[in-house]
Amino acid sequence: MAISNQISNTGSFKYVVTGNQPGSFHTIQSALDYVNALGVTSTVFVRPGTYTENLTLYSGINIQGSEEGQVIIVGVHTPPAAGTFSISNIQLNSATHV
């Protein structure tokens, strides 16, 4: 169950990835999968850190990092076949980002 996270810098985001810190989601993919299963359009907020994950991205689910240069995702990412999404304040590091 996603809850409103009161950790500073999360604003009013409902789905917050916290990495190793206490919170609802420890990986970006787990948050993306959860929101996708709900069938809603939303934004997943990612706390600072380096995340090594291969992501499957979904249309209508955006990813926003806490601050520019503070969130790094290492991996290969698969975009949705149709639709739109956005990634902001996140640095993607890999040979083939998306």
Foldseek 3Di string as FASTA:
>chain_A
DFAQDPPPLPPRARAEAEQPDDHDHNAPQVSQVVVVVVVAQGEYEYEFDEAEDAEEHDARYEYEYSAAPRYEYEHAYHYDPDHDYYYYSYHYDDPHHD
